[in-house]
Amino acid sequence: MNSTKIIAVVLGVLMIGFAGAFAYTYSDLAAHPQASPNTEESAVLGDAFSHWNDISIENSTLLSSQYASNATLQWIGGPLTGTYHGVGNITSTWNKFFGLWSAVWFYSVNPPTVSMGGNYATVTSQNQFVVTPINSQNQAQYINVSYTLVYSLGKVSASSSSGVTAYTSVSTSTTGPMIQKEIWKITGSGFVSSTEKNAQLNQINSLAFNHWNNIAIENITTVMQEYASNATLHWASGPLKGNYNGYNSIMGTWNKFFGLWNAIWFYSEAPPVVTMHGNCANVNATVQFIVQSSSNLSKFEYINVTYGIEYYNMGFDVHTGAYNYEIIYENFDNTAIGPINKV
């Protein structure tokens, strides 16, 4: 056999061998198809939107089926702040959230992004939820959330005798993507309507009148509930003159004031002036207190006060459907005091 024939025979054997190997590999891959990255990303993104939709329809049953048994929900911001482990605790947290709102809508501010890595996929998104409080259903409020969802993909390896390892696609997996970790980070909240600023001004005005009323009824408990823990009370003149910093110091001052008078009445000589700057709100008013002496019940006096109260917005209170403002500075400038001959 000459060299030409030998080369032809060798090439023929090699071609038959390659053809057989290709046919075997193709049949193995056909039996265990690989999911393309785009297919997997689309499936995960679809699951994320379904998750947010189920939040909107407030269906905790549908939500609970989307979590892996060892899933974690990390809630950042608001009264539900905490880390919740396991489907039961996570479902309970969602039920608390749903108990606050009569209706929930959502949209994604920008298209979410999906990143793949091994058996996990991560969805990140900036979402806004529009909500109406159960106890004030005429309000429309928003919650901005920086969202992260980490999915375990539930891939199943299948090794063939050819050494080729294939993975089932997400869409045909026996489990599908399951939420392994969820991060709900509140980045902002407020009222949808532009008229809500007026609502906040009215709220601050009401808080100031409640404060003066609580002083008049000498209720130290309700008075002190209005202060931030690091608040300051400035008393301009008289026996209580001084600066009082912190909860206990302020409470002690009011108790001394209440000890001087058997009864207190108040009125505002003109409507208070309320201004807002960012998270701060200021109330300025001229208030007159009529007081009855504890040591001499027939003695009545007036106390004129140039009043200044600075409130700070401590955040949105989902229980009340309003912002939580606390007093951080109070100026009790008692400009005049004197007897009242007749009451």
Foldseek 3Di string as FASTA:
>chain_A
DDPVVVVVVVVVVVVVVVVVVVVVVVVVCVVFPADDPVLQQVQVLVVVVVLVVCLQVLPLVVNLLQADQFAKEAEADAPLGDIATGSVRVSVSSNVVCLFFPGKDKDFPDDWDWDDDDQKIKIWTWMKMWTATPVGRVFIKIWIWGKMWMWGAQWDWDADPVRDIHTHGLVPHPRHIHTRYIYTHTPDMDTPDPCVVVVVQVVVLVVVVVLVVCLQVLPLVVNLVQADQFAWEAEPDDPLGDIATGSVRVSVSSVVVPLFFPGKDKDFPDRWDWDDDVQKIKTWTWMKMWTAGPVHRVWIKIWIWGKMWMWGFPAQHSNVRGTRIHTRYIYGYGPDMDTDPDD
